[in-house]
Amino acid sequence: MATGHTDPQRRERIIDAALDLIAEEGIANVSHRRVAARAGVPLGSMTYHFGGLEQLLREAFGRFAERIVALFDSYLAAPADQEQAREAVTDLVHELSEGNQRYLVLTQELYTLAARQPAYRELTEEWMRRSRVHLERHFDPDTARQLDALIEGLTLHRALTPEPHDRVLTREAVTRITTRDPGERRER
């Protein structure tokens, strides 16, 4: 591994180390020193690559959001019809809520920042907009918006419950939101 400023992966390692630290210990425990140690880079690399801790955090959460949008894309690019898309959304909820809690923790840390700081709110708004673009390949915009919120809620409930609900309940919830009577009109 290169050790000078010519190390092309150093910046990426720093961002990944920041996300790891946030996921494991929370944003309150993030510092230049701790991120540098975790990334295995000299402390001076932090200020060389980032204008400050705030820039690092924005870029780290930006990368996290990109990964989630890519996950949406990987699940929702292939379905040929709405029935397959419902199954893909069900799979996505279970992928996001099972196993390690990294997604859950990073999402909640980002949402907390977004509730307090406009720059992070813009980042989450863009993430949600891009997620809905994937959902709108298969569902109308209003349904996509509702489904996006359902995905977040079901993921959170499944991840935090000692005995999470099964695929049948997830699929039923997805079906209820995405099946609309053709004669039904939403009043605005």
Protein backbone atom coordinates (compact mmCIF):
# COMPACT_ATOMS: atom_id res chain seq x y z
CA MET A 1 0.00 0.00 0.00
CA ALA A 2 1.39 3.40 -0.96
CA THR A 3 2.07 5.81 1.86
CA GLY A 4 2.57 9.18 0.15
CA HIS A 5 0.11 11.68 -1.28
CA THR A 6 0.22 9.63 -4.48
CA ASP A 7 -1.78 6.81 -2.86
CA PRO A 8 -4.85 6.83 -5.15
CA GLN A 9 -7.03 4.92 -2.67
CA ARG A 10 -6.24 6.99 0.42
CA ARG A 11 -9.21 9.34 0.10
CA GLU A 12 -11.60 6.41 -0.39
CA ARG A 13 -10.13 4.57 2.60
CA ILE A 14 -10.66 7.66 4.74
CA ILE A 15 -14.32 7.93 3.68
CA ASP A 16 -14.89 4.21 4.29
CA ALA A 17 -13.19 4.46 7.68
CA ALA A 18 -15.45 7.36 8.63
CA LEU A 19 -18.54 5.31 7.71
CA ASP A 20 -17.21 2.33 9.69
CA LEU A 21 -16.59 4.52 12.72
CA ILE A 22 -20.06 6.10 12.51
CA ALA A 23 -21.69 2.68 12.14
CA GLU A 24 -19.81 1.18 15.08
CA GLU A 25 -19.57 4.08 17.54
CA GLY A 26 -21.87 6.87 16.36
CA ILE A 27 -21.21 10.25 14.81
CA ALA A 28 -20.37 11.79 18.19
CA ASN A 29 -17.20 9.68 18.27
CA VAL A 30 -15.89 10.77 14.87
CA SER A 31 -12.71 12.83 14.90
CA HIS A 32 -9.86 13.40 12.47
CA ARG A 33 -7.53 11.40 14.68
CA ARG A 34 -9.87 8.42 15.05
CA VAL A 35 -10.72 8.27 11.33
CA ALA A 36 -7.03 8.56 10.34
CA ALA A 37 -6.10 5.73 12.72
CA ARG A 38 -8.90 3.52 11.41
CA ALA A 39 -7.95 4.26 7.78
CA GLY A 40 -4.26 3.65 8.49
CA VAL A 41 -3.21 7.06 7.18
CA PRO A 42 -1.20 9.91 8.71
CA LEU A 43 -3.29 12.51 10.52
CA GLY A 44 -2.16 15.15 8.00
CA SER A 45 -3.98 13.22 5.26
CA MET A 46 -7.26 14.30 6.78
CA THR A 47 -6.71 17.99 6.10
CA TYR A 48 -4.94 17.27 2.81
CA HIS A 49 -8.02 15.47 1.42
CA PHE A 50 -10.84 17.26 3.26
CA GLY A 51 -11.45 20.89 4.20
CA GLY A 52 -12.67 19.76 7.60
CA LEU A 53 -14.62 17.12 9.43
CA GLU A 54 -17.89 18.49 8.05
CA GLN A 55 -16.76 17.94 4.45
CA LEU A 56 -15.67 14.39 5.31
CA LEU A 57 -19.04 13.63 6.91
CA ARG A 58 -21.00 15.03 3.94
CA GLU A 59 -18.93 12.99 1.50
CA ALA A 60 -19.16 9.86 3.64
CA PHE A 61 -22.94 10.11 3.89
CA GLY A 62 -23.06 10.94 0.17
CA ARG A 63 -21.20 7.71 -0.56
CA PHE A 64 -23.54 5.79 1.75
CA ALA A 65 -26.58 7.21 -0.07
CA GLU A 66 -25.02 6.26 -3.42
CA ARG A 67 -24.63 2.68 -2.23
CA ILE A 68 -28.27 2.50 -1.15
CA VAL A 69 -29.47 3.94 -4.46
CA ALA A 70 -27.30 1.34 -6.23
CA LEU A 71 -28.93 -1.36 -4.10
CA PHE A 72 -32.38 -0.08 -5.15
CA ASP A 73 -31.18 -0.22 -8.75
CA SER A 74 -29.87 -3.77 -8.40
CA TYR A 75 -33.25 -4.96 -7.11
CA LEU A 76 -35.53 -2.86 -9.30
CA ALA A 77 -33.75 -2.82 -12.67
CA ALA A 78 -34.70 -6.36 -13.70
CA PRO A 79 -38.43 -6.79 -12.94
CA ALA A 80 -40.49 -6.98 -16.12
CA ASP A 81 -43.89 -6.29 -14.53
CA GLN A 82 -45.48 -5.01 -11.34
CA GLU A 83 -45.78 -8.48 -9.81
CA GLN A 84 -42.02 -9.02 -10.16
CA ALA A 85 -41.42 -5.49 -8.88
CA ARG A 86 -43.49 -6.25 -5.75
CA GLU A 87 -41.35 -9.31 -5.14
CA ALA A 88 -38.18 -7.26 -5.70
CA VAL A 89 -39.33 -4.63 -3.17
CA THR A 90 -40.05 -7.40 -0.66
CA ASP A 91 -36.56 -8.79 -1.24
CA LEU A 92 -35.08 -5.30 -0.82
CA VAL A 93 -36.79 -4.77 2.56
CA HIS A 94 -35.44 -8.07 3.81
CA GLU A 95 -31.95 -7.39 2.44
CA LEU A 96 -31.83 -4.02 4.22
CA SER A 97 -33.19 -5.32 7.54
CA GLU A 98 -31.40 -8.63 8.00
CA GLY A 99 -27.87 -9.31 9.09
CA ASN A 100 -25.61 -6.56 10.27
CA GLN A 101 -27.15 -3.33 11.48
CA ARG A 102 -24.81 -1.06 9.52
CA TYR A 103 -27.51 0.20 7.13
CA LEU A 104 -29.90 0.92 9.98
CA VAL A 105 -27.36 2.80 12.09
CA LEU A 106 -25.98 4.86 9.21
CA THR A 107 -29.48 5.71 8.01
CA GLN A 108 -30.60 6.87 11.44
CA GLU A 109 -27.42 8.91 11.97
CA LEU A 110 -28.00 10.59 8.59
CA TYR A 111 -31.67 11.26 9.33
CA THR A 112 -30.74 12.83 12.67
CA LEU A 113 -28.27 15.16 10.94
CA ALA A 114 -30.84 15.93 8.24
CA ALA A 115 -33.39 16.92 10.87
CA ARG A 116 -30.94 19.55 12.16
CA GLN A 117 -28.85 20.66 9.20
CA PRO A 118 -30.06 21.72 5.73
CA ALA A 119 -27.01 20.30 3.89
CA TYR A 120 -27.86 16.81 5.10
CA ARG A 121 -31.56 17.37 4.43
CA GLU A 122 -30.66 18.11 0.81
CA LEU A 123 -28.64 14.91 0.69
CA THR A 124 -31.53 12.81 2.05
CA GLU A 125 -34.01 14.52 -0.29
CA GLU A 126 -31.80 13.64 -3.26
CA TRP A 127 -31.44 10.05 -1.99
CA MET A 128 -35.22 9.69 -1.65
CA ARG A 129 -35.80 11.27 -5.07
CA ARG A 130 -33.37 8.86 -6.72
CA SER A 131 -34.87 5.87 -4.88
CA ARG A 132 -38.31 6.87 -6.12
CA VAL A 133 -37.00 7.06 -9.69
CA HIS A 134 -36.27 3.34 -9.44
CA LEU A 135 -39.70 2.65 -7.97
CA GLU A 136 -41.38 4.80 -10.66
CA ARG A 137 -40.13 2.39 -13.30
CA HIS A 138 -42.89 0.11 -12.04
CA PHE A 139 -45.40 2.28 -10.15
CA ASP A 140 -47.00 5.71 -10.51
CA PRO A 141 -45.29 8.60 -8.66
CA ASP A 142 -47.73 8.72 -5.73
CA THR A 143 -47.46 4.97 -5.19
CA ALA A 144 -43.66 5.17 -5.48
CA ARG A 145 -43.59 7.84 -2.75
CA GLN A 146 -45.77 5.72 -0.45
CA LEU A 147 -43.75 2.62 -1.22
CA ASP A 148 -40.48 4.41 -0.47
CA ALA A 149 -41.81 5.34 2.98
CA LEU A 150 -43.06 1.78 3.50
CA ILE A 151 -39.62 0.38 2.67
CA GLU A 152 -38.01 2.66 5.27
CA GLY A 153 -40.62 1.84 7.91
CA LEU A 154 -40.66 -1.92 7.37
CA THR A 155 -36.87 -2.02 7.32
CA LEU A 156 -36.69 -0.15 10.62
CA HIS A 157 -39.37 -2.31 12.26
CA ARG A 158 -37.81 -5.56 11.07
CA ALA A 159 -34.31 -4.52 12.16
CA LEU A 160 -35.34 -3.39 15.65
CA THR A 161 -37.84 -6.10 16.58
CA PRO A 162 -36.58 -9.18 18.44
CA GLU A 163 -38.89 -11.35 16.32
CA PRO A 164 -39.23 -9.58 12.97
CA HIS A 165 -42.22 -10.22 10.75
CA ASP A 166 -41.79 -12.63 7.85
CA ARG A 167 -41.77 -12.20 4.07
CA VAL A 168 -45.49 -12.92 3.85
CA LEU A 169 -46.36 -9.83 5.89
CA THR A 170 -43.86 -7.68 3.96
CA ARG A 171 -45.27 -8.88 0.64
CA GLU A 172 -48.82 -8.24 1.81
CA ALA A 173 -47.94 -4.66 2.82
CA VAL A 174 -46.20 -4.02 -0.52
CA THR A 175 -49.18 -5.46 -2.39
CA ARG A 176 -51.68 -3.32 -0.48
CA ILE A 177 -49.84 -0.11 -1.33
CA THR A 178 -49.17 -1.01 -4.96
CA THR A 179 -52.57 -2.41 -5.86
CA ARG A 180 -55.00 0.34 -6.59
CA ASP A 181 -58.53 0.03 -7.87
CA PRO A 182 -58.46 1.57 -11.38
CA GLY A 183 -61.56 3.63 -10.53
CA GLU A 184 -59.98 5.02 -7.37
CA ARG A 185 -58.81 8.63 -7.66
CA ARG A 186 -56.77 10.53 -5.18
CA GLU A 187 -58.10 13.98 -4.38
CA ARG A 188 -55.54 16.76 -4.20
